[in-house]
């Protein structure tokens, strides 16, 4: 029997998905199957035009056709104006720039969701924190400090074990959506849910973002060990101790411990560390096989957020005095050209601890 989902109460006459990579496209397809006007924004006009003509994203999700209600544009104003929900799916390194350009077109009370698993370099902020900072600056500069039209805007996050290709193909998937306002989280929960896409609600926004970002670093470490030819024992140890590092930093930042045992924590960690579609594991795999980072980037079509996030989290952990030995070795491999086998050996030679 087909499940009956409660009617979504907020007006969803228009949804904007910002970012036409694999994950942005997959979410736009999912939403386009449910709603009548979904705008998918891409940065490059040539890419946009090709997608619109082909009615599929041949570069990132070939063979998966768009529903009739999905429209593609490279005009941010057109995509965002009058949208009742915005889903941000641009890489962390360009997130601030894109969000700064679109914030002036956002209507009062429009929820904005980040589906990006990264932490900004330099600022060491999560994506919802970046949005909050940009919005505050916009109000100060353009509204005489009066947030009357913007104070109802709430920022949330969508996270969980979800390869874009599988979601676009309707493979059963479960994720979590988080807003500080649980009522809004439950409302947006019903926006995304389908017969194959199950959505849980949470109020732990920071926990969802930190777990989502840090699991990419552990996936690089796991890939390194796979590339070196180590076995399943090594992989299991890295995943387990990696989870401990994720939780250690997350709790220090105010996250809830339970989040790290949920879909965005251990769920996404397992998927990203073991799945063949994982970009971050692939980076580690190639590093372990002896390739350098420049070669790897040239060979990869899509962004692996873990590369830049490693730098952000390394600086954040040092600033906060949080011990993260796996992160430390991944940082040295990526940014100091440390030999991969030596990095693993240094992890094993650390002073013995009580678990």
C-alpha atoms as a PDB file:
ATOM      1  CA  UNK A   1       0.000   0.000   0.000  1.00  0.00           C
ATOM      2  CA  UNK A   2       1.310   3.426  -0.973  1.00  0.00           C
ATOM      3  CA  UNK A   3       2.160   5.568   2.098  1.00  0.00           C
ATOM      4  CA  UNK A   4       0.132   8.728   2.713  1.00  0.00           C
ATOM      5  CA  UNK A   5       2.304  11.688   3.646  1.00  0.00           C
ATOM      6  CA  UNK A   6       0.847  14.778   5.369  1.00  0.00           C
ATOM      7  CA  UNK A   7       0.254  17.749   3.108  1.00  0.00           C
ATOM      8  CA  UNK A   8       3.081  20.296   3.116  1.00  0.00           C
ATOM      9  CA  UNK A   9       1.744  23.461   4.707  1.00  0.00           C
ATOM     10  CA  UNK A  10       4.249  26.032   3.400  1.00  0.00           C
ATOM     11  CA  UNK A  11       3.741  27.446  -0.090  1.00  0.00           C
ATOM     12  CA  UNK A  12       5.956  25.544  -2.514  1.00  0.00           C
ATOM     13  CA  UNK A  13       4.905  27.092  -5.791  1.00  0.00           C
ATOM     14  CA  UNK A  14       8.602  27.566  -6.596  1.00  0.00           C
ATOM     15  CA  UNK A  15      11.753  25.827  -5.314  1.00  0.00           C
ATOM     16  CA  UNK A  16      15.291  26.908  -6.222  1.00  0.00           C
ATOM     17  CA  UNK A  17      18.194  24.443  -6.229  1.00  0.00           C
ATOM     18  CA  UNK A  18      21.490  26.318  -6.459  1.00  0.00           C
ATOM     19  CA  UNK A  19      24.243  24.195  -7.958  1.00  0.00           C
ATOM     20  CA  UNK A  20      24.012  21.734 -10.851  1.00  0.00           C
ATOM     21  CA  UNK A  21      26.660  19.211  -9.908  1.00  0.00           C
ATOM     22  CA  UNK A  22      25.661  15.601  -9.324  1.00  0.00           C
ATOM     23  CA  UNK A  23      24.065  16.124  -5.898  1.00  0.00           C
ATOM     24  CA  UNK A  24      22.273  19.360  -6.809  1.00  0.00           C
ATOM     25  CA  UNK A  25      20.925  17.739  -9.967  1.00  0.00           C
ATOM     26  CA  UNK A  26      19.762  14.631  -8.083  1.00  0.00           C
ATOM     27  CA  UNK A  27      17.879  16.734  -5.519  1.00  0.00           C
ATOM     28  CA  UNK A  28      16.361  18.889  -8.249  1.00  0.00           C
ATOM     29  CA  UNK A  29      15.115  15.777 -10.047  1.00  0.00           C
ATOM     30  CA  UNK A  30      13.633  14.425  -6.807  1.00  0.00           C
ATOM     31  CA  UNK A  31      11.860  17.717  -6.058  1.00  0.00           C
ATOM     32  CA  UNK A  32      10.787  18.094  -9.687  1.00  0.00           C
ATOM     33  CA  UNK A  33       8.956  14.783  -9.422  1.00  0.00           C
ATOM     34  CA  UNK A  34       6.846  16.233  -6.591  1.00  0.00           C
ATOM     35  CA  UNK A  35       6.408  19.938  -7.332  1.00  0.00           C
ATOM     36  CA  UNK A  36       5.413  22.010 -10.342  1.00  0.00           C
ATOM     37  CA  UNK A  37       8.206  24.601 -10.533  1.00  0.00           C
ATOM     38  CA  UNK A  38      11.773  23.675  -9.603  1.00  0.00           C
ATOM     39  CA  UNK A  39      14.555  25.983 -10.807  1.00  0.00           C
ATOM     40  CA  UNK A  40      18.040  24.459 -11.092  1.00  0.00           C
ATOM     41  CA  UNK A  41      20.815  27.073 -11.219  1.00  0.00           C
ATOM     42  CA  UNK A  42      24.214  26.402 -12.783  1.00  0.00           C
ATOM     43  CA  UNK A  43      27.129  28.834 -12.906  1.00  0.00           C
ATOM     44  CA  UNK A  44      28.255  28.400 -16.509  1.00  0.00           C
ATOM     45  CA  UNK A  45      25.873  29.354 -19.304  1.00  0.00           C
ATOM     46  CA  UNK A  46      27.284  26.729 -21.683  1.00  0.00           C
ATOM     47  CA  UNK A  47      26.597  24.025 -19.096  1.00  0.00           C
ATOM     48  CA  UNK A  48      23.125  25.418 -18.442  1.00  0.00           C
ATOM     49  CA  UNK A  49      22.195  25.554 -22.110  1.00  0.00           C
ATOM     50  CA  UNK A  50      23.346  21.987 -22.720  1.00  0.00           C
ATOM     51  CA  UNK A  51      21.414  20.647 -19.735  1.00  0.00           C
ATOM     52  CA  UNK A  52      18.265  22.468 -20.804  1.00  0.00           C
ATOM     53  CA  UNK A  53      18.495  21.155 -24.370  1.00  0.00           C
ATOM     54  CA  UNK A  54      19.389  17.574 -23.387  1.00  0.00           C
ATOM     55  CA  UNK A  55      16.900  17.520 -20.457  1.00  0.00           C
ATOM     56  CA  UNK A  56      19.531  15.630 -18.511  1.00  0.00           C
ATOM     57  CA  UNK A  57      22.909  16.398 -16.933  1.00  0.00           C
ATOM     58  CA  UNK A  58      25.116  14.290 -19.169  1.00  0.00           C
ATOM     59  CA  UNK A  59      28.282  15.456 -17.423  1.00  0.00           C
ATOM     60  CA  UNK A  60      27.325  14.342 -13.911  1.00  0.00           C
ATOM     61  CA  UNK A  61      24.229  12.107 -14.151  1.00  0.00           C
ATOM     62  CA  UNK A  62      24.053  10.769 -17.715  1.00  0.00           C
ATOM     63  CA  UNK A  63      20.941   8.900 -18.766  1.00  0.00           C
ATOM     64  CA  UNK A  64      18.634  10.322 -16.075  1.00  0.00           C
ATOM     65  CA  UNK A  65      15.958  12.483 -17.694  1.00  0.00           C
ATOM     66  CA  UNK A  66      14.511  15.598 -16.071  1.00  0.00           C
ATOM     67  CA  UNK A  67      10.831  15.847 -15.123  1.00  0.00           C
ATOM     68  CA  UNK A  68       8.865  18.471 -17.062  1.00  0.00           C
ATOM     69  CA  UNK A  69       8.620  20.715 -13.993  1.00  0.00           C
ATOM     70  CA  UNK A  70      12.426  21.100 -13.697  1.00  0.00           C
ATOM     71  CA  UNK A  71      13.825  24.217 -15.373  1.00  0.00           C
ATOM     72  CA  UNK A  72      17.505  25.165 -15.723  1.00  0.00           C
ATOM     73  CA  UNK A  73      18.971  28.671 -15.624  1.00  0.00           C
ATOM     74  CA  UNK A  74      22.239  30.502 -14.992  1.00  0.00           C
ATOM     75  CA  UNK A  75      20.364  33.631 -13.825  1.00  0.00           C
ATOM     76  CA  UNK A  76      20.494  33.729 -10.010  1.00  0.00           C
ATOM     77  CA  UNK A  77      17.842  36.417  -9.770  1.00  0.00           C
ATOM     78  CA  UNK A  78      15.438  34.422 -11.922  1.00  0.00           C
ATOM     79  CA  UNK A  79      16.099  31.239  -9.961  1.00  0.00           C
ATOM     80  CA  UNK A  80      15.688  32.732  -6.486  1.00  0.00           C
ATOM     81  CA  UNK A  81      13.071  35.497  -6.812  1.00  0.00           C
ATOM     82  CA  UNK A  82       9.708  34.371  -5.330  1.00  0.00           C
ATOM     83  CA  UNK A  83      11.143  30.992  -4.317  1.00  0.00           C
ATOM     84  CA  UNK A  84       9.527  29.553  -1.198  1.00  0.00           C
ATOM     85  CA  UNK A  85      12.439  27.180  -0.531  1.00  0.00           C
ATOM     86  CA  UNK A  86      16.117  27.405  -1.530  1.00  0.00           C
ATOM     87  CA  UNK A  87      18.479  24.432  -1.531  1.00  0.00           C
ATOM     88  CA  UNK A  88      22.172  25.360  -1.653  1.00  0.00           C
ATOM     89  CA  UNK A  89      24.379  22.735  -3.337  1.00  0.00           C
ATOM     90  CA  UNK A  90      27.524  24.615  -4.397  1.00  0.00           C
ATOM     91  CA  UNK A  91      31.050  23.643  -3.227  1.00  0.00           C
ATOM     92  CA  UNK A  92      32.193  25.100   0.087  1.00  0.00           C
ATOM     93  CA  UNK A  93      34.954  27.177  -1.541  1.00  0.00           C
ATOM     94  CA  UNK A  94      32.438  29.103  -3.692  1.00  0.00           C
ATOM     95  CA  UNK A  95      29.502  28.987  -1.270  1.00  0.00           C
ATOM     96  CA  UNK A  96      30.019  32.449   0.271  1.00  0.00           C
ATOM     97  CA  UNK A  97      30.382  34.168  -3.085  1.00  0.00           C
ATOM     98  CA  UNK A  98      27.234  32.597  -4.552  1.00  0.00           C
ATOM     99  CA  UNK A  99      25.173  33.171  -1.417  1.00  0.00           C
ATOM    100  CA  UNK A 100      26.287  36.819  -1.220  1.00  0.00           C
ATOM    101  CA  UNK A 101      25.049  37.338  -4.781  1.00  0.00           C
ATOM    102  CA  UNK A 102      21.643  35.745  -4.196  1.00  0.00           C
ATOM    103  CA  UNK A 103      20.685  36.968  -0.709  1.00  0.00           C
ATOM    104  CA  UNK A 104      19.214  40.208  -2.033  1.00  0.00           C
ATOM    105  CA  UNK A 105      16.647  38.241  -4.059  1.00  0.00           C
ATOM    106  CA  UNK A 106      15.446  36.068  -1.164  1.00  0.00           C
ATOM    107  CA  UNK A 107      11.910  36.755   0.023  1.00  0.00           C
ATOM    108  CA  UNK A 108      10.893  37.162   3.674  1.00  0.00           C
ATOM    109  CA  UNK A 109      10.684  33.938   5.646  1.00  0.00           C
ATOM    110  CA  UNK A 110      12.125  31.701   2.917  1.00  0.00           C
ATOM    111  CA  UNK A 111      13.844  28.626   4.452  1.00  0.00           C
ATOM    112  CA  UNK A 112      17.307  27.955   3.040  1.00  0.00           C
ATOM    113  CA  UNK A 113      18.896  24.511   3.243  1.00  0.00           C
ATOM    114  CA  UNK A 114      22.556  23.627   2.812  1.00  0.00           C
ATOM    115  CA  UNK A 115      23.181  20.225   1.265  1.00  0.00           C
ATOM    116  CA  UNK A 116      26.945  20.818   1.209  1.00  0.00           C
ATOM    117  CA  UNK A 117      29.338  18.673   3.262  1.00  0.00           C
ATOM    118  CA  UNK A 118      32.256  20.982   3.898  1.00  0.00           C
ATOM    119  CA  UNK A 119      33.768  23.702   6.083  1.00  0.00           C
ATOM    120  CA  UNK A 120      34.968  27.017   4.663  1.00  0.00           C
ATOM    121  CA  UNK A 121      38.718  27.584   4.535  1.00  0.00           C
ATOM    122  CA  UNK A 122      40.079  30.567   6.466  1.00  0.00           C
ATOM    123  CA  UNK A 123      36.873  31.305   8.395  1.00  0.00           C
ATOM    124  CA  UNK A 124      36.501  27.646   9.538  1.00  0.00           C
ATOM    125  CA  UNK A 125      32.712  28.143   9.447  1.00  0.00           C
ATOM    126  CA  UNK A 126      30.062  25.616   8.449  1.00  0.00           C
ATOM    127  CA  UNK A 127      27.754  26.549   5.585  1.00  0.00           C
ATOM    128  CA  UNK A 128      24.838  27.620   7.815  1.00  0.00           C
ATOM    129  CA  UNK A 129      27.277  29.787   9.753  1.00  0.00           C
ATOM    130  CA  UNK A 130      28.494  31.320   6.488  1.00  0.00           C
ATOM    131  CA  UNK A 131      24.889  32.090   5.499  1.00  0.00           C
ATOM    132  CA  UNK A 132      24.169  33.624   8.884  1.00  0.00           C
ATOM    133  CA  UNK A 133      27.237  35.856   8.599  1.00  0.00           C
ATOM    134  CA  UNK A 134      26.417  36.933   5.025  1.00  0.00           C
ATOM    135  CA  UNK A 135      22.803  37.699   5.963  1.00  0.00           C
ATOM    136  CA  UNK A 136      23.892  39.800   8.950  1.00  0.00           C
ATOM    137  CA  UNK A 137      26.281  41.767   6.735  1.00  0.00           C
ATOM    138  CA  UNK A 138      23.569  42.276   4.118  1.00  0.00           C
ATOM    139  CA  UNK A 139      21.100  43.606   6.682  1.00  0.00           C
ATOM    140  CA  UNK A 140      23.711  45.949   8.118  1.00  0.00           C
ATOM    141  CA  UNK A 141      24.676  47.320   4.702  1.00  0.00           C
ATOM    142  CA  UNK A 142      21.317  47.437   2.920  1.00  0.00           C
ATOM    143  CA  UNK A 143      18.573  47.656   5.531  1.00  0.00           C
ATOM    144  CA  UNK A 144      19.996  50.230   7.936  1.00  0.00           C
ATOM    145  CA  UNK A 145      20.444  47.349  10.313  1.00  0.00           C
ATOM    146  CA  UNK A 146      16.694  46.677  10.317  1.00  0.00           C
ATOM    147  CA  UNK A 147      16.084  42.939   9.822  1.00  0.00           C
ATOM    148  CA  UNK A 148      12.313  43.345   9.408  1.00  0.00           C
ATOM    149  CA  UNK A 149      12.208  41.616   6.024  1.00  0.00           C
ATOM    150  CA  UNK A 150      14.765  38.965   6.876  1.00  0.00           C
ATOM    151  CA  UNK A 151      14.481  37.889  10.495  1.00  0.00           C
ATOM    152  CA  UNK A 152      12.167  35.009   9.594  1.00  0.00           C
ATOM    153  CA  UNK A 153      14.729  33.398   7.287  1.00  0.00           C
ATOM    154  CA  UNK A 154      15.975  30.164   8.868  1.00  0.00           C
ATOM    155  CA  UNK A 155      18.956  28.114   7.798  1.00  0.00           C
ATOM    156  CA  UNK A 156      18.959  24.322   7.816  1.00  0.00           C
ATOM    157  CA  UNK A 157      20.937  21.362   6.564  1.00  0.00           C
ATOM    158  CA  UNK A 158      20.260  18.135   4.688  1.00  0.00           C
ATOM    159  CA  UNK A 159      22.721  15.338   5.383  1.00  0.00           C
ATOM    160  CA  UNK A 160      23.080  11.570   5.390  1.00  0.00           C
ATOM    161  CA  UNK A 161      24.435   8.579   3.426  1.00  0.00           C
ATOM    162  CA  UNK A 162      23.368   9.470  -0.099  1.00  0.00           C
ATOM    163  CA  UNK A 163      25.275   9.013  -3.339  1.00  0.00           C
ATOM    164  CA  UNK A 164      23.710  11.279  -5.958  1.00  0.00           C
ATOM    165  CA  UNK A 165      23.602   8.604  -8.676  1.00  0.00           C
ATOM    166  CA  UNK A 166      21.629   6.227  -6.475  1.00  0.00           C
ATOM    167  CA  UNK A 167      19.159   8.904  -5.347  1.00  0.00           C
ATOM    168  CA  UNK A 168      18.591   9.978  -8.953  1.00  0.00           C
ATOM    169  CA  UNK A 169      17.901   6.336  -9.850  1.00  0.00           C
ATOM    170  CA  UNK A 170      15.356   5.947  -7.059  1.00  0.00           C
ATOM    171  CA  UNK A 171      17.452   3.660  -4.849  1.00  0.00           C
ATOM    172  CA  UNK A 172      16.032   3.546  -1.281  1.00  0.00           C
ATOM    173  CA  UNK A 173      17.855   6.162   0.794  1.00  0.00           C
ATOM    174  CA  UNK A 174      17.508   7.740   4.246  1.00  0.00           C
ATOM    175  CA  UNK A 175      18.781  11.186   5.271  1.00  0.00           C
ATOM    176  CA  UNK A 176      18.232  13.798   7.970  1.00  0.00           C
ATOM    177  CA  UNK A 177      17.070  17.399   7.655  1.00  0.00           C
ATOM    178  CA  UNK A 178      17.901  19.767  10.485  1.00  0.00           C
ATOM    179  CA  UNK A 179      16.649  23.182  11.593  1.00  0.00           C
ATOM    180  CA  UNK A 180      16.894  24.733  15.032  1.00  0.00           C
ATOM    181  CA  UNK A 181      13.096  25.048  14.838  1.00  0.00           C
ATOM    182  CA  UNK A 182      11.795  21.467  15.067  1.00  0.00           C
ATOM    183  CA  UNK A 183       8.431  22.421  13.554  1.00  0.00           C
ATOM    184  CA  UNK A 184      10.182  23.748  10.465  1.00  0.00           C
ATOM    185  CA  UNK A 185      12.421  20.672  10.338  1.00  0.00           C
ATOM    186  CA  UNK A 186       9.314  18.471  10.331  1.00  0.00           C
ATOM    187  CA  UNK A 187       7.725  20.622   7.624  1.00  0.00           C
ATOM    188  CA  UNK A 188      10.769  20.404   5.350  1.00  0.00           C
ATOM    189  CA  UNK A 189      10.968  16.692   6.143  1.00  0.00           C
ATOM    190  CA  UNK A 190       7.724  16.258   4.227  1.00  0.00           C
ATOM    191  CA  UNK A 191       9.002  18.369   1.328  1.00  0.00           C
ATOM    192  CA  UNK A 192      11.758  15.891   0.486  1.00  0.00           C
ATOM    193  CA  UNK A 193      10.179  12.570   1.420  1.00  0.00           C
ATOM    194  CA  UNK A 194       9.225  10.174  -1.380  1.00  0.00           C
ATOM    195  CA  UNK A 195       8.513   6.464  -1.671  1.00  0.00           C
ATOM    196  CA  UNK A 196      12.279   5.850  -1.943  1.00  0.00           C
ATOM    197  CA  UNK A 197      13.728   8.849  -0.043  1.00  0.00           C
ATOM    198  CA  UNK A 198      13.058   8.663   3.693  1.00  0.00           C
ATOM    199  CA  UNK A 199      13.763  11.797   5.753  1.00  0.00           C
ATOM    200  CA  UNK A 200      14.257  12.195   9.496  1.00  0.00           C
ATOM    201  CA  UNK A 201      14.041  15.524  11.367  1.00  0.00           C
ATOM    202  CA  UNK A 202      16.564  16.991  13.798  1.00  0.00           C
ATOM    203  CA  UNK A 203      17.395  20.232  15.604  1.00  0.00           C
ATOM    204  CA  UNK A 204      21.149  19.527  15.807  1.00  0.00           C
ATOM    205  CA  UNK A 205      22.234  21.677  12.879  1.00  0.00           C
ATOM    206  CA  UNK A 206      25.891  21.962  13.930  1.00  0.00           C
ATOM    207  CA  UNK A 207      26.119  18.222  14.620  1.00  0.00           C
ATOM    208  CA  UNK A 208      24.775  17.362  11.179  1.00  0.00           C
ATOM    209  CA  UNK A 209      27.207  19.751   9.485  1.00  0.00           C
ATOM    210  CA  UNK A 210      30.293  18.704  11.443  1.00  0.00           C
ATOM    211  CA  UNK A 211      29.673  14.975  11.004  1.00  0.00           C
ATOM    212  CA  UNK A 212      28.974  15.442   7.289  1.00  0.00           C
ATOM    213  CA  UNK A 213      32.190  17.384   6.739  1.00  0.00           C
ATOM    214  CA  UNK A 214      34.529  15.299   8.866  1.00  0.00           C
ATOM    215  CA  UNK A 215      33.525  11.918   7.455  1.00  0.00           C
ATOM    216  CA  UNK A 216      35.102  13.011   4.153  1.00  0.00           C
ATOM    217  CA  UNK A 217      38.488  13.313   5.859  1.00  0.00           C
ATOM    218  CA  UNK A 218      38.202   9.840   7.354  1.00  0.00           C
ATOM    219  CA  UNK A 219      37.186   8.521   3.925  1.00  0.00           C
ATOM    220  CA  UNK A 220      40.418   9.900   2.464  1.00  0.00           C
ATOM    221  CA  UNK A 221      42.366   8.098   5.208  1.00  0.00           C
ATOM    222  CA  UNK A 222      40.492   4.869   4.520  1.00  0.00           C
ATOM    223  CA  UNK A 223      41.175   5.198   0.806  1.00  0.00           C
ATOM    224  CA  UNK A 224      44.870   5.704   1.502  1.00  0.00           C
ATOM    225  CA  UNK A 225      45.017   2.432   3.408  1.00  0.00           C
ATOM    226  CA  UNK A 226      43.091   0.618   0.677  1.00  0.00           C
ATOM    227  CA  UNK A 227      45.502   2.056  -1.884  1.00  0.00           C
ATOM    228  CA  UNK A 228      48.451   0.790   0.147  1.00  0.00           C
ATOM    229  CA  UNK A 229      46.916  -2.680   0.029  1.00  0.00           C
ATOM    230  CA  UNK A 230      46.093  -2.955   3.711  1.00  0.00           C
ATOM    231  CA  UNK A 231      43.178  -5.130   4.728  1.00  0.00           C
ATOM    232  CA  UNK A 232      39.735  -4.917   6.238  1.00  0.00           C
ATOM    233  CA  UNK A 233      41.165  -4.826   9.763  1.00  0.00           C
ATOM    234  CA  UNK A 234      42.833  -1.507   8.951  1.00  0.00           C
ATOM    235  CA  UNK A 235      39.699  -0.091   7.382  1.00  0.00           C
ATOM    236  CA  UNK A 236      37.554  -1.035  10.378  1.00  0.00           C
ATOM    237  CA  UNK A 237      40.058   0.524  12.779  1.00  0.00           C
ATOM    238  CA  UNK A 238      40.166   3.786  10.828  1.00  0.00           C
ATOM    239  CA  UNK A 239      36.387   4.071  10.597  1.00  0.00           C
ATOM    240  CA  UNK A 240      35.966   3.400  14.312  1.00  0.00           C
ATOM    241  CA  UNK A 241      38.706   5.733  15.520  1.00  0.00           C
ATOM    242  CA  UNK A 242      37.702   8.271  12.879  1.00  0.00           C
ATOM    243  CA  UNK A 243      34.216   8.364  14.356  1.00  0.00           C
ATOM    244  CA  UNK A 244      35.765   9.042  17.755  1.00  0.00           C
ATOM    245  CA  UNK A 245      37.633  12.055  16.306  1.00  0.00           C
ATOM    246  CA  UNK A 246      34.501  13.361  14.606  1.00  0.00           C
ATOM    247  CA  UNK A 247      32.551  13.128  17.831  1.00  0.00           C
ATOM    248  CA  UNK A 248      35.342  14.726  19.894  1.00  0.00           C
ATOM    249  CA  UNK A 249      35.383  17.862  17.758  1.00  0.00           C
ATOM    250  CA  UNK A 250      31.613  17.959  17.304  1.00  0.00           C
ATOM    251  CA  UNK A 251      30.878  17.823  21.032  1.00  0.00           C
ATOM    252  CA  UNK A 252      33.370  20.624  21.638  1.00  0.00           C
ATOM    253  CA  UNK A 253      31.414  22.733  19.136  1.00  0.00           C
ATOM    254  CA  UNK A 254      28.084  22.056  20.852  1.00  0.00           C
ATOM    255  CA  UNK A 255      26.793  19.112  18.817  1.00  0.00           C
ATOM    256  CA  UNK A 256      24.683  16.319  20.293  1.00  0.00           C
ATOM    257  CA  UNK A 257      26.390  12.957  20.752  1.00  0.00           C
ATOM    258  CA  UNK A 258      23.425  11.043  19.309  1.00  0.00           C
ATOM    259  CA  UNK A 259      23.876  12.745  15.929  1.00  0.00           C
ATOM    260  CA  UNK A 260      27.192  10.968  15.419  1.00  0.00           C
ATOM    261  CA  UNK A 261      25.495   7.604  15.830  1.00  0.00           C
ATOM    262  CA  UNK A 262      22.821   8.524  13.288  1.00  0.00           C
ATOM    263  CA  UNK A 263      22.547   8.826   9.517  1.00  0.00           C
ATOM    264  CA  UNK A 264      24.775  11.889   9.165  1.00  0.00           C
ATOM    265  CA  UNK A 265      27.384  10.377  11.476  1.00  0.00           C
ATOM    266  CA  UNK A 266      28.127   6.675  11.357  1.00  0.00           C
ATOM    267  CA  UNK A 267      25.732   6.169   8.426  1.00  0.00           C
ATOM    268  CA  UNK A 268      27.447   8.589   6.060  1.00  0.00           C
ATOM    269  CA  UNK A 269      30.865   7.618   7.426  1.00  0.00           C
ATOM    270  CA  UNK A 270      30.346   3.961   6.494  1.00  0.00           C
ATOM    271  CA  UNK A 271      29.069   4.817   3.034  1.00  0.00           C
ATOM    272  CA  UNK A 272      31.828   7.286   2.210  1.00  0.00           C
ATOM    273  CA  UNK A 273      34.619   5.080   3.551  1.00  0.00           C
ATOM    274  CA  UNK A 274      33.526   1.933   1.719  1.00  0.00           C
ATOM    275  CA  UNK A 275      31.489   2.942  -1.334  1.00  0.00           C
ATOM    276  CA  UNK A 276      33.008   2.794  -4.797  1.00  0.00           C
ATOM    277  CA  UNK A 277      31.180   6.013  -5.731  1.00  0.00           C
ATOM    278  CA  UNK A 278      32.889   7.980  -2.935  1.00  0.00           C
ATOM    279  CA  UNK A 279      34.995  10.831  -4.341  1.00  0.00           C
ATOM    280  CA  UNK A 280      36.914  11.268  -1.087  1.00  0.00           C
ATOM    281  CA  UNK A 281      37.766   7.581  -0.759  1.00  0.00           C
ATOM    282  CA  UNK A 282      38.905   7.725  -4.395  1.00  0.00           C
ATOM    283  CA  UNK A 283      41.278  10.590  -3.564  1.00  0.00           C
ATOM    284  CA  UNK A 284      42.773   8.550  -0.734  1.00  0.00           C
ATOM    285  CA  UNK A 285      42.954   5.433  -2.887  1.00  0.00           C
ATOM    286  CA  UNK A 286      44.978   7.260  -5.545  1.00  0.00           C
ATOM    287  CA  UNK A 287      47.239   8.842  -2.916  1.00  0.00           C
ATOM    288  CA  UNK A 288      47.911   5.403  -1.450  1.00  0.00           C
ATOM    289  CA  UNK A 289      48.752   4.131  -4.929  1.00  0.00           C
ATOM    290  CA  UNK A 290      51.472   6.779  -5.215  1.00  0.00           C
ATOM    291  CA  UNK A 291      49.813   9.554  -7.240  1.00  0.00           C
ATOM    292  CA  UNK A 292      50.197  13.175  -6.181  1.00  0.00           C
ATOM    293  CA  UNK A 293      47.314  15.538  -5.507  1.00  0.00           C
ATOM    294  CA  UNK A 294      47.735  17.501  -8.760  1.00  0.00           C
ATOM    295  CA  UNK A 295      47.417  14.306 -10.812  1.00  0.00           C
ATOM    296  CA  UNK A 296      44.375  13.219  -8.836  1.00  0.00           C
ATOM    297  CA  UNK A 297      42.568  16.538  -9.311  1.00  0.00           C
ATOM    298  CA  UNK A 298      43.238  16.406 -13.049  1.00  0.00           C
ATOM    299  CA  UNK A 299      41.720  12.922 -13.251  1.00  0.00           C
ATOM    300  CA  UNK A 300      38.587  13.700 -11.240  1.00  0.00           C
ATOM    301  CA  UNK A 301      35.481  15.226 -12.810  1.00  0.00           C
ATOM    302  CA  UNK A 302      33.855  16.298  -9.540  1.00  0.00           C
ATOM    303  CA  UNK A 303      34.920  18.100  -6.374  1.00  0.00           C
ATOM    304  CA  UNK A 304      36.078  16.061  -3.368  1.00  0.00           C
ATOM    305  CA  UNK A 305      35.160  18.300  -0.435  1.00  0.00           C
ATOM    306  CA  UNK A 306      37.467  16.440   1.935  1.00  0.00           C
ATOM    307  CA  UNK A 307      40.597  17.963   0.390  1.00  0.00           C
ATOM    308  CA  UNK A 308      39.781  21.545   1.381  1.00  0.00           C
ATOM    309  CA  UNK A 309      37.919  20.491   4.531  1.00  0.00           C
ATOM    310  CA  UNK A 310      41.072  18.784   5.801  1.00  0.00           C
ATOM    311  CA  UNK A 311      42.815  22.157   5.912  1.00  0.00           C
ATOM    312  CA  UNK A 312      39.857  23.888   7.571  1.00  0.00           C
ATOM    313  CA  UNK A 313      39.414  21.242  10.249  1.00  0.00           C
ATOM    314  CA  UNK A 314      43.153  20.999  10.887  1.00  0.00           C
ATOM    315  CA  UNK A 315      43.254  24.718  11.701  1.00  0.00           C
ATOM    316  CA  UNK A 316      40.062  24.471  13.755  1.00  0.00           C
ATOM    317  CA  UNK A 317      41.321  21.507  15.791  1.00  0.00           C
ATOM    318  CA  UNK A 318      44.609  23.256  16.515  1.00  0.00           C
ATOM    319  CA  UNK A 319      42.803  26.445  17.518  1.00  0.00           C
ATOM    320  CA  UNK A 320      40.556  24.515  19.904  1.00  0.00           C
ATOM    321  CA  UNK A 321      43.238  22.163  21.193  1.00  0.00           C
ATOM    322  CA  UNK A 322      41.374  19.028  20.047  1.00  0.00           C
ATOM    323  CA  UNK A 323      43.485  15.898  19.487  1.00  0.00           C
ATOM    324  CA  UNK A 324      42.729  14.389  16.062  1.00  0.00           C
ATOM    325  CA  UNK A 325      45.619  12.093  15.023  1.00  0.00           C
ATOM    326  CA  UNK A 326      43.996  10.669  11.874  1.00  0.00           C
ATOM    327  CA  UNK A 327      43.164  14.176  10.660  1.00  0.00           C
ATOM    328  CA  UNK A 328      46.738  15.234  11.431  1.00  0.00           C
ATOM    329  CA  UNK A 329      48.208  12.495   9.217  1.00  0.00           C
ATOM    330  CA  UNK A 330      45.751  13.148   6.365  1.00  0.00           C
ATOM    331  CA  UNK A 331      46.714  16.833   6.501  1.00  0.00           C
ATOM    332  CA  UNK A 332      50.415  15.964   6.301  1.00  0.00           C
ATOM    333  CA  UNK A 333      49.830  13.617   3.359  1.00  0.00           C
ATOM    334  CA  UNK A 334      47.821  16.193   1.390  1.00  0.00           C
ATOM    335  CA  UNK A 335      49.549  19.436   2.300  1.00  0.00           C
ATOM    336  CA  UNK A 336      53.077  18.376   3.294  1.00  0.00           C
ATOM    337  CA  UNK A 337      53.571  15.471   0.842  1.00  0.00           C
ATOM    338  CA  UNK A 338      54.169  12.979   3.637  1.00  0.00           C
ATOM    339  CA  UNK A 339      54.667   9.392   2.564  1.00  0.00           C
ATOM    340  CA  UNK A 340      51.410   7.473   3.045  1.00  0.00           C
ATOM    341  CA  UNK A 341      52.962   4.337   4.557  1.00  0.00           C
ATOM    342  CA  UNK A 342      54.968   6.492   6.960  1.00  0.00           C
ATOM    343  CA  UNK A 343      51.787   8.301   8.018  1.00  0.00           C
ATOM    344  CA  UNK A 344      50.068   4.993   8.856  1.00  0.00           C
ATOM    345  CA  UNK A 345      53.156   3.814  10.723  1.00  0.00           C
ATOM    346  CA  UNK A 346      53.207   7.002  12.798  1.00  0.00           C
ATOM    347  CA  UNK A 347      49.562   6.430  13.747  1.00  0.00           C
ATOM    348  CA  UNK A 348      50.359   2.909  14.922  1.00  0.00           C
ATOM    349  CA  UNK A 349      53.365   4.056  16.976  1.00  0.00           C
ATOM    350  CA  UNK A 350      51.404   6.606  18.999  1.00  0.00           C
ATOM    351  CA  UNK A 351      51.371   6.299  22.776  1.00  0.00           C
ATOM    352  CA  UNK A 352      48.903   3.650  23.928  1.00  0.00           C
ATOM    353  CA  UNK A 353      45.531   4.932  25.165  1.00  0.00           C
ATOM    354  CA  UNK A 354      42.453   3.777  27.041  1.00  0.00           C
ATOM    355  CA  UNK A 355      39.456   3.552  24.686  1.00  0.00           C
END
